[in-house]
Amino acid sequence: MATNHHLVLNTDGIHPRVNGALLPCFIDCFVVLPSEVIQHSPDTRALVVEACDGISVSVDLERLPQDLTVTRFIEVLGQVYCNAGMIRTITVLAIRVINLGNEFDLSLVDRILKLIHDRRFDDVFNPLSMQRLNSPFHFLHLKLFDTGSMSTPLRISDIDE
């Protein structure tokens, strides 16, 4: 696994809880990834997990203690990065792993995450994103977080010029 020593600059703050499909929207950001451990390789300091939406994700454990023990279900707090190479893959550089036990309903977590990241509910779950609508860069936020599940289309009058 490629090392990324320039990552993990600052972990202070609130970090979005995401599923595997949302990871590409959070490159270089810190996230919390609820998941099930599929493969734990202590010798390579890596995990392969299945995110709550069923997507497989590589987790780099380089910054965690060598004797890390994990349960079947975990939450990974880490920084999302993209490996440059022949095949571009997304990896989470873990800075903390929280054990959730051996029985956990990831499908319920995924349903909740889909609601949290649905633009229709930004005023409830993401109030700061509503402030971004007043910025000239709000279209970036709209593009990144469009889940395609809106019942009403975005109107031209909703976009400031």
N, C-alpha and C. Protein backbone atom coordinates (compact mmCIF):
# COMPACT_ATOMS: atom_id res chain seq x y z
N MET A 1 0.84 -1.16 0.00
CA MET A 1 0.00 0.00 0.00
C MET A 1 0.89 1.24 0.00
N ALA A 2 0.58 2.18 -0.83
CA ALA A 2 1.39 3.39 -0.95
C ALA A 2 1.24 4.24 0.30
N THR A 3 2.34 4.79 0.75
CA THR A 3 2.28 5.65 1.92
C THR A 3 2.03 7.08 1.48
N ASN A 4 1.29 7.77 2.29
CA ASN A 4 0.96 9.17 2.02
C ASN A 4 1.29 9.96 3.27
N HIS A 5 2.53 10.37 3.41
CA HIS A 5 2.97 11.07 4.60
C HIS A 5 2.46 12.50 4.65
N HIS A 6 2.05 13.06 3.52
CA HIS A 6 1.55 14.43 3.52
C HIS A 6 0.10 14.52 4.00
N LEU A 7 -0.57 13.39 4.16
CA LEU A 7 -1.95 13.40 4.61
C LEU A 7 -2.02 13.61 6.12
N VAL A 8 -3.20 13.75 6.62
CA VAL A 8 -3.50 13.94 8.04
C VAL A 8 -2.87 15.23 8.55
N LEU A 9 -3.36 16.32 8.04
CA LEU A 9 -2.87 17.62 8.47
C LEU A 9 -3.59 18.12 9.71
N ASN A 10 -4.92 17.99 9.72
CA ASN A 10 -5.70 18.48 10.84
C ASN A 10 -6.97 17.66 10.94
N THR A 11 -7.20 17.07 12.10
CA THR A 11 -8.39 16.24 12.26
C THR A 11 -9.43 16.88 13.16
N ASP A 12 -9.23 18.13 13.53
CA ASP A 12 -10.21 18.80 14.38
C ASP A 12 -11.49 19.05 13.61
N GLY A 13 -12.60 19.05 14.32
CA GLY A 13 -13.85 19.42 13.68
C GLY A 13 -14.84 18.27 13.58
N ILE A 14 -15.88 18.53 12.84
CA ILE A 14 -16.95 17.57 12.63
C ILE A 14 -16.71 16.91 11.28
N HIS A 15 -16.84 15.60 11.23
CA HIS A 15 -16.55 14.86 10.01
C HIS A 15 -17.81 14.16 9.53
N PRO A 16 -18.11 14.26 8.24
CA PRO A 16 -19.33 13.63 7.74
C PRO A 16 -19.25 12.11 7.79
N ARG A 17 -20.37 11.51 8.13
CA ARG A 17 -20.48 10.06 8.08
C ARG A 17 -20.95 9.73 6.67
N VAL A 18 -20.26 8.82 5.99
CA VAL A 18 -20.52 8.57 4.58
C VAL A 18 -20.61 7.07 4.30
N ASN A 19 -21.15 6.76 3.11
CA ASN A 19 -21.10 5.39 2.62
C ASN A 19 -20.06 5.32 1.50
N GLY A 20 -19.87 4.17 0.92
CA GLY A 20 -18.83 4.00 -0.10
C GLY A 20 -19.05 4.83 -1.35
N ALA A 21 -20.30 5.01 -1.75
CA ALA A 21 -20.60 5.77 -2.96
C ALA A 21 -20.24 7.24 -2.82
N LEU A 22 -20.24 7.76 -1.60
CA LEU A 22 -19.94 9.17 -1.37
C LEU A 22 -18.45 9.47 -1.25
N LEU A 23 -17.62 8.46 -1.09
CA LEU A 23 -16.18 8.69 -0.90
C LEU A 23 -15.53 9.54 -1.98
N PRO A 24 -15.84 9.36 -3.27
CA PRO A 24 -15.20 10.21 -4.29
C PRO A 24 -15.50 11.70 -4.12
N CYS A 25 -16.57 12.04 -3.43
CA CYS A 25 -16.90 13.45 -3.18
C CYS A 25 -16.08 14.04 -2.04
N PHE A 26 -15.34 13.20 -1.33
CA PHE A 26 -14.62 13.65 -0.14
C PHE A 26 -13.12 13.38 -0.21
N ILE A 27 -12.53 13.41 -1.40
CA ILE A 27 -11.09 13.20 -1.54
C ILE A 27 -10.36 14.28 -0.74
N ASP A 28 -9.37 13.89 0.05
CA ASP A 28 -8.56 14.74 0.92
C ASP A 28 -9.32 15.26 2.14
N CYS A 29 -10.52 14.76 2.38
CA CYS A 29 -11.31 15.17 3.55
C CYS A 29 -11.35 14.03 4.56
N PHE A 30 -11.66 14.39 5.79
CA PHE A 30 -11.85 13.39 6.83
C PHE A 30 -13.31 12.97 6.86
N VAL A 31 -13.54 11.68 6.99
CA VAL A 31 -14.89 11.13 7.03
C VAL A 31 -14.97 10.04 8.09
N VAL A 32 -16.19 9.66 8.41
CA VAL A 32 -16.44 8.50 9.25
C VAL A 32 -17.16 7.49 8.37
N LEU A 33 -16.59 6.28 8.27
CA LEU A 33 -17.11 5.25 7.38
C LEU A 33 -17.58 4.04 8.19
N PRO A 34 -18.91 3.89 8.38
CA PRO A 34 -19.42 2.68 9.04
C PRO A 34 -19.28 1.49 8.08
N SER A 35 -18.77 0.37 8.58
CA SER A 35 -18.49 -0.73 7.66
C SER A 35 -18.35 -2.06 8.39
N GLU A 36 -18.28 -3.11 7.57
CA GLU A 36 -18.05 -4.47 8.05
C GLU A 36 -16.66 -4.90 7.58
N VAL A 37 -15.89 -5.48 8.48
CA VAL A 37 -14.55 -5.93 8.14
C VAL A 37 -14.66 -7.20 7.30
N ILE A 38 -14.05 -7.16 6.12
CA ILE A 38 -14.03 -8.32 5.22
C ILE A 38 -12.70 -9.05 5.34
N GLN A 39 -11.61 -8.27 5.39
CA GLN A 39 -10.27 -8.86 5.47
C GLN A 39 -9.38 -7.96 6.32
N HIS A 40 -8.72 -8.56 7.30
CA HIS A 40 -7.78 -7.82 8.14
C HIS A 40 -6.40 -8.43 7.95
N SER A 41 -5.47 -7.63 7.44
CA SER A 41 -4.11 -8.09 7.19
C SER A 41 -3.13 -7.33 8.07
N PRO A 42 -2.87 -7.82 9.30
CA PRO A 42 -1.96 -7.10 10.19
C PRO A 42 -0.56 -6.93 9.61
N ASP A 43 -0.11 -7.90 8.80
CA ASP A 43 1.24 -7.81 8.23
C ASP A 43 1.36 -6.68 7.21
N THR A 44 0.30 -6.38 6.48
CA THR A 44 0.35 -5.28 5.50
C THR A 44 -0.25 -3.99 6.05
N ARG A 45 -0.75 -4.05 7.31
CA ARG A 45 -1.34 -2.87 7.96
C ARG A 45 -2.50 -2.33 7.14
N ALA A 46 -3.38 -3.24 6.73
CA ALA A 46 -4.51 -2.84 5.89
C ALA A 46 -5.76 -3.62 6.26
N LEU A 47 -6.89 -3.01 5.94
CA LEU A 47 -8.19 -3.66 6.05
C LEU A 47 -8.89 -3.54 4.71
N VAL A 48 -9.70 -4.52 4.41
CA VAL A 48 -10.69 -4.37 3.35
C VAL A 48 -12.02 -4.42 4.06
N VAL A 49 -12.82 -3.38 3.88
CA VAL A 49 -14.12 -3.32 4.54
C VAL A 49 -15.20 -3.19 3.48
N GLU A 50 -16.40 -3.54 3.89
CA GLU A 50 -17.57 -3.32 3.05
C GLU A 50 -18.35 -2.19 3.71
N ALA A 51 -18.44 -1.06 3.01
CA ALA A 51 -19.17 0.08 3.55
C ALA A 51 -20.64 -0.29 3.69
N CYS A 52 -21.40 0.52 4.38
CA CYS A 52 -22.79 0.18 4.66
C CYS A 52 -23.64 0.05 3.40
N ASP A 53 -23.18 0.57 2.26
CA ASP A 53 -23.91 0.41 1.00
C ASP A 53 -23.38 -0.74 0.16
N GLY A 54 -22.48 -1.56 0.73
CA GLY A 54 -21.99 -2.75 0.04
C GLY A 54 -20.75 -2.55 -0.81
N ILE A 55 -20.20 -1.34 -0.85
CA ILE A 55 -19.01 -1.06 -1.65
C ILE A 55 -17.76 -1.42 -0.85
N SER A 56 -16.84 -2.15 -1.49
CA SER A 56 -15.57 -2.51 -0.84
C SER A 56 -14.63 -1.32 -0.83
N VAL A 57 -13.98 -1.12 0.31
CA VAL A 57 -13.08 0.02 0.49
C VAL A 57 -11.81 -0.47 1.18
N SER A 58 -10.66 0.01 0.71
CA SER A 58 -9.38 -0.28 1.36
C SER A 58 -9.14 0.72 2.47
N VAL A 59 -8.66 0.23 3.60
CA VAL A 59 -8.35 1.09 4.73
C VAL A 59 -6.89 0.89 5.10
N ASP A 60 -6.13 1.97 5.11
CA ASP A 60 -4.71 1.96 5.46
C ASP A 60 -4.59 2.17 6.97
N LEU A 61 -3.97 1.22 7.67
CA LEU A 61 -3.84 1.28 9.13
C LEU A 61 -2.47 1.78 9.58
N GLU A 62 -1.71 2.35 8.68
CA GLU A 62 -0.33 2.75 8.95
C GLU A 62 -0.19 3.63 10.20
N ARG A 63 -1.15 4.46 10.47
CA ARG A 63 -1.04 5.41 11.59
C ARG A 63 -1.66 4.91 12.89
N LEU A 64 -2.07 3.65 12.92
CA LEU A 64 -2.68 3.08 14.12
C LEU A 64 -1.73 2.09 14.77
N PRO A 65 -1.95 1.75 16.04
CA PRO A 65 -1.07 0.80 16.73
C PRO A 65 -1.00 -0.55 16.01
N GLN A 66 0.15 -1.17 16.09
CA GLN A 66 0.40 -2.46 15.43
C GLN A 66 -0.54 -3.54 15.95
N ASP A 67 -0.88 -3.48 17.23
CA ASP A 67 -1.69 -4.54 17.85
C ASP A 67 -3.19 -4.23 17.83
N LEU A 68 -3.65 -3.50 16.85
CA LEU A 68 -5.05 -3.12 16.72
C LEU A 68 -5.93 -4.37 16.58
N THR A 69 -6.97 -4.44 17.40
CA THR A 69 -7.95 -5.51 17.25
C THR A 69 -9.26 -4.90 16.79
N VAL A 70 -9.94 -5.59 15.90
CA VAL A 70 -11.20 -5.07 15.37
C VAL A 70 -12.29 -6.12 15.49
N THR A 71 -13.52 -5.64 15.66
CA THR A 71 -14.68 -6.52 15.66
C THR A 71 -15.21 -6.61 14.24
N ARG A 72 -16.27 -7.35 14.06
CA ARG A 72 -16.84 -7.53 12.71
C ARG A 72 -17.31 -6.21 12.11
N PHE A 73 -17.93 -5.35 12.93
CA PHE A 73 -18.42 -4.06 12.46
C PHE A 73 -17.62 -2.94 13.12
N ILE A 74 -17.23 -1.96 12.31
CA ILE A 74 -16.41 -0.85 12.80
C ILE A 74 -16.84 0.46 12.16
N GLU A 75 -16.39 1.55 12.76
CA GLU A 75 -16.44 2.86 12.12
C GLU A 75 -15.01 3.33 11.99
N VAL A 76 -14.65 3.78 10.80
CA VAL A 76 -13.30 4.26 10.54
C VAL A 76 -13.35 5.77 10.40
N LEU A 77 -12.58 6.48 11.23
CA LEU A 77 -12.37 7.91 11.03
C LEU A 77 -11.06 8.01 10.28
N GLY A 78 -11.10 8.63 9.12
CA GLY A 78 -9.88 8.72 8.34
C GLY A 78 -9.99 9.70 7.20
N GLN A 79 -8.87 9.89 6.53
CA GLN A 79 -8.78 10.81 5.40
C GLN A 79 -8.86 10.02 4.11
N VAL A 80 -9.72 10.47 3.21
CA VAL A 80 -9.93 9.80 1.93
C VAL A 80 -8.87 10.29 0.95
N TYR A 81 -8.22 9.35 0.28
CA TYR A 81 -7.29 9.75 -0.77
C TYR A 81 -7.37 8.78 -1.94
N CYS A 82 -6.87 9.22 -3.06
CA CYS A 82 -6.91 8.44 -4.29
C CYS A 82 -5.49 8.02 -4.63
N ASN A 83 -5.26 6.72 -4.74
CA ASN A 83 -3.94 6.21 -5.13
C ASN A 83 -3.70 6.49 -6.61
N ALA A 84 -2.59 7.11 -6.92
CA ALA A 84 -2.23 7.34 -8.32
C ALA A 84 -1.49 6.10 -8.80
N GLY A 85 -1.89 5.60 -9.90
CA GLY A 85 -1.25 4.42 -10.45
C GLY A 85 -1.99 3.96 -11.68
N MET A 86 -1.69 2.76 -12.10
CA MET A 86 -2.36 2.21 -13.28
C MET A 86 -3.87 2.16 -13.06
N ILE A 87 -4.26 1.71 -11.88
CA ILE A 87 -5.68 1.67 -11.53
C ILE A 87 -5.87 2.60 -10.34
N ARG A 88 -6.67 3.64 -10.53
CA ARG A 88 -6.90 4.60 -9.46
C ARG A 88 -7.90 4.02 -8.47
N THR A 89 -7.48 3.91 -7.22
CA THR A 89 -8.36 3.39 -6.19
C THR A 89 -8.47 4.38 -5.05
N ILE A 90 -9.61 4.35 -4.41
CA ILE A 90 -9.84 5.23 -3.26
C ILE A 90 -9.55 4.44 -2.00
N THR A 91 -8.79 5.05 -1.10
CA THR A 91 -8.40 4.44 0.16
C THR A 91 -8.69 5.41 1.29
N VAL A 92 -8.97 4.87 2.47
CA VAL A 92 -9.14 5.70 3.65
C VAL A 92 -7.93 5.47 4.55
N LEU A 93 -7.22 6.54 4.87
CA LEU A 93 -6.09 6.48 5.80
C LEU A 93 -6.65 6.65 7.20
N ALA A 94 -6.74 5.55 7.94
CA ALA A 94 -7.40 5.55 9.25
C ALA A 94 -6.57 6.26 10.30
N ILE A 95 -7.24 7.08 11.10
CA ILE A 95 -6.59 7.66 12.27
C ILE A 95 -7.27 7.19 13.56
N ARG A 96 -8.45 6.56 13.39
CA ARG A 96 -9.14 5.97 14.54
C ARG A 96 -10.11 4.91 14.02
N VAL A 97 -10.19 3.81 14.74
CA VAL A 97 -11.16 2.77 14.44
C VAL A 97 -11.99 2.54 15.69
N ILE A 98 -13.30 2.59 15.54
CA ILE A 98 -14.22 2.36 16.65
C ILE A 98 -14.90 1.02 16.42
N ASN A 99 -14.75 0.11 17.37
CA ASN A 99 -15.41 -1.19 17.27
C ASN A 99 -16.88 -1.04 17.60
N LEU A 100 -17.74 -1.61 16.74
CA LEU A 100 -19.18 -1.55 16.93
C LEU A 100 -19.76 -2.90 17.33
N GLY A 101 -18.91 -3.89 17.51
CA GLY A 101 -19.38 -5.21 17.92
C GLY A 101 -19.53 -6.16 16.75
N ASN A 102 -20.17 -7.30 17.04
CA ASN A 102 -20.32 -8.32 16.01
C ASN A 102 -21.73 -8.41 15.45
N GLU A 103 -22.64 -7.61 15.98
CA GLU A 103 -24.00 -7.53 15.44
C GLU A 103 -24.36 -6.06 15.29
N PHE A 104 -24.63 -5.66 14.06
CA PHE A 104 -24.92 -4.26 13.77
C PHE A 104 -25.68 -4.18 12.46
N ASP A 105 -26.70 -3.34 12.38
CA ASP A 105 -27.53 -3.24 11.18
C ASP A 105 -27.00 -2.15 10.25
N LEU A 106 -26.10 -2.54 9.35
CA LEU A 106 -25.52 -1.57 8.41
C LEU A 106 -26.53 -1.07 7.39
N SER A 107 -27.53 -1.88 7.06
CA SER A 107 -28.54 -1.43 6.08
C SER A 107 -29.33 -0.25 6.63
N LEU A 108 -29.60 -0.24 7.93
CA LEU A 108 -30.28 0.90 8.54
C LEU A 108 -29.39 2.13 8.50
N VAL A 109 -28.11 1.96 8.78
CA VAL A 109 -27.16 3.07 8.71
C VAL A 109 -27.13 3.65 7.30
N ASP A 110 -27.13 2.79 6.29
CA ASP A 110 -27.10 3.28 4.91
C ASP A 110 -28.36 4.07 4.58
N ARG A 111 -29.51 3.61 5.03
CA ARG A 111 -30.76 4.36 4.78
C ARG A 111 -30.70 5.73 5.43
N ILE A 112 -30.16 5.80 6.63
CA ILE A 112 -30.05 7.09 7.33
C ILE A 112 -29.07 8.00 6.60
N LEU A 113 -27.94 7.46 6.15
CA LEU A 113 -26.95 8.28 5.44
C LEU A 113 -27.51 8.83 4.14
N LYS A 114 -28.32 8.05 3.45
CA LYS A 114 -28.94 8.55 2.22
C LYS A 114 -29.87 9.72 2.50
N LEU A 115 -30.56 9.70 3.63
CA LEU A 115 -31.40 10.84 4.02
C LEU A 115 -30.54 12.05 4.39
N ILE A 116 -29.50 11.82 5.17
CA ILE A 116 -28.64 12.92 5.61
C ILE A 116 -28.00 13.64 4.43
N HIS A 117 -27.62 12.90 3.40
CA HIS A 117 -26.93 13.51 2.26
C HIS A 117 -27.87 13.90 1.13
N ASP A 118 -29.17 13.73 1.33
CA ASP A 118 -30.16 14.13 0.33
C ASP A 118 -30.35 15.64 0.41
N ARG A 119 -30.21 16.33 -0.71
CA ARG A 119 -30.29 17.80 -0.74
C ARG A 119 -31.61 18.33 -0.23
N ARG A 120 -32.67 17.55 -0.34
CA ARG A 120 -33.97 18.03 0.12
C ARG A 120 -33.97 18.31 1.62
N PHE A 121 -33.06 17.69 2.36
CA PHE A 121 -33.04 17.83 3.80
C PHE A 121 -31.82 18.60 4.31
N ASP A 122 -31.20 19.39 3.45
CA ASP A 122 -30.03 20.17 3.85
C ASP A 122 -30.33 21.10 5.02
N ASP A 123 -31.50 21.70 5.04
CA ASP A 123 -31.81 22.63 6.12
C ASP A 123 -31.89 21.92 7.47
N VAL A 124 -32.13 20.63 7.48
CA VAL A 124 -32.20 19.86 8.72
C VAL A 124 -30.83 19.30 9.10
N PHE A 125 -30.18 18.61 8.14
CA PHE A 125 -28.94 17.90 8.45
C PHE A 125 -27.67 18.67 8.14
N ASN A 126 -27.72 19.60 7.21
CA ASN A 126 -26.54 20.33 6.77
C ASN A 126 -26.82 21.83 6.70
N PRO A 127 -27.15 22.46 7.82
CA PRO A 127 -27.53 23.88 7.76
C PRO A 127 -26.44 24.78 7.20
N LEU A 128 -25.18 24.43 7.37
CA LEU A 128 -24.11 25.26 6.82
C LEU A 128 -24.12 25.24 5.31
N SER A 129 -24.59 24.15 4.71
CA SER A 129 -24.63 24.09 3.25
C SER A 129 -25.64 25.08 2.70
N MET A 130 -26.66 25.41 3.46
CA MET A 130 -27.64 26.40 3.01
C MET A 130 -26.98 27.77 2.93
N GLN A 131 -26.03 28.06 3.82
CA GLN A 131 -25.31 29.34 3.76
C GLN A 131 -24.45 29.40 2.50
N ARG A 132 -23.98 28.25 2.05
CA ARG A 132 -23.15 28.22 0.85
C ARG A 132 -23.93 28.60 -0.40
N LEU A 133 -25.25 28.48 -0.36
CA LEU A 133 -26.06 28.84 -1.52
C LEU A 133 -25.92 30.32 -1.84
N ASN A 134 -25.50 31.11 -0.86
CA ASN A 134 -25.30 32.54 -1.09
C ASN A 134 -23.91 32.85 -1.62
N SER A 135 -23.06 31.85 -1.71
CA SER A 135 -21.71 32.09 -2.20
C SER A 135 -21.65 31.85 -3.70
N PRO A 136 -20.68 32.47 -4.38
CA PRO A 136 -20.57 32.26 -5.83
C PRO A 136 -20.15 30.84 -6.19
N PHE A 137 -19.73 30.05 -5.21
CA PHE A 137 -19.27 28.69 -5.48
C PHE A 137 -20.31 27.63 -5.10
N HIS A 138 -21.55 28.06 -4.85
CA HIS A 138 -22.56 27.11 -4.40
C HIS A 138 -22.83 26.00 -5.41
N PHE A 139 -22.60 26.26 -6.69
CA PHE A 139 -22.86 25.23 -7.70
C PHE A 139 -21.96 24.01 -7.50
N LEU A 140 -20.77 24.20 -6.90
CA LEU A 140 -19.89 23.06 -6.63
C LEU A 140 -20.54 22.14 -5.60
N HIS A 141 -21.12 22.74 -4.57
CA HIS A 141 -21.78 21.95 -3.54
C HIS A 141 -22.97 21.19 -4.14
N LEU A 142 -23.74 21.87 -4.98
CA LEU A 142 -24.90 21.22 -5.58
C LEU A 142 -24.47 20.03 -6.42
N LYS A 143 -23.39 20.16 -7.15
CA LYS A 143 -22.93 19.08 -8.01
C LYS A 143 -22.40 17.91 -7.18
N LEU A 144 -21.64 18.20 -6.12
CA LEU A 144 -21.05 17.14 -5.31
C LEU A 144 -22.09 16.33 -4.56
N PHE A 145 -23.13 16.98 -4.08
CA PHE A 145 -24.06 16.30 -3.20
C PHE A 145 -25.39 15.96 -3.85
N ASP A 146 -25.49 16.04 -5.15
CA ASP A 146 -26.72 15.69 -5.84
C ASP A 146 -26.84 14.17 -5.86
N THR A 147 -27.82 13.66 -5.14
CA THR A 147 -28.00 12.21 -5.09
C THR A 147 -28.95 11.73 -6.16
N GLY A 148 -29.51 12.64 -6.93
CA GLY A 148 -30.43 12.25 -7.99
C GLY A 148 -31.79 11.83 -7.47
N SER A 149 -32.05 12.04 -6.19
CA SER A 149 -33.31 11.59 -5.63
C SER A 149 -34.29 12.73 -5.36
N MET A 150 -34.02 13.89 -5.89
CA MET A 150 -34.92 15.02 -5.66
C MET A 150 -36.21 14.82 -6.45
N SER A 151 -37.34 15.11 -5.80
CA SER A 151 -38.61 14.95 -6.49
C SER A 151 -38.92 16.14 -7.38
N THR A 152 -38.34 17.31 -7.06
CA THR A 152 -38.55 18.48 -7.92
C THR A 152 -37.21 18.90 -8.49
N PRO A 153 -37.18 19.20 -9.78
CA PRO A 153 -35.90 19.59 -10.39
C PRO A 153 -35.44 20.95 -9.91
N LEU A 154 -34.15 21.17 -9.97
CA LEU A 154 -33.57 22.46 -9.63
C LEU A 154 -33.97 23.46 -10.70
N ARG A 155 -34.50 24.61 -10.27
CA ARG A 155 -34.93 25.64 -11.21
C ARG A 155 -33.79 26.60 -11.48
N ILE A 156 -33.79 27.19 -12.66
CA ILE A 156 -32.78 28.18 -13.02
C ILE A 156 -32.82 29.34 -12.04
N SER A 157 -34.01 29.71 -11.58
CA SER A 157 -34.13 30.83 -10.65
C SER A 157 -33.49 30.53 -9.30
N ASP A 158 -33.22 29.25 -9.00
CA ASP A 158 -32.57 28.88 -7.75
C ASP A 158 -31.08 29.18 -7.77
N ILE A 159 -30.53 29.41 -8.94
CA ILE A 159 -29.09 29.60 -9.08
C ILE A 159 -28.79 31.07 -9.28
N ASP A 160 -27.98 31.63 -8.38
CA ASP A 160 -27.56 33.03 -8.51
C ASP A 160 -26.56 33.15 -9.64
N GLU A 161 -26.60 34.26 -10.33
CA GLU A 161 -25.59 34.46 -11.39
C GLU A 161 -24.53 35.41 -10.91
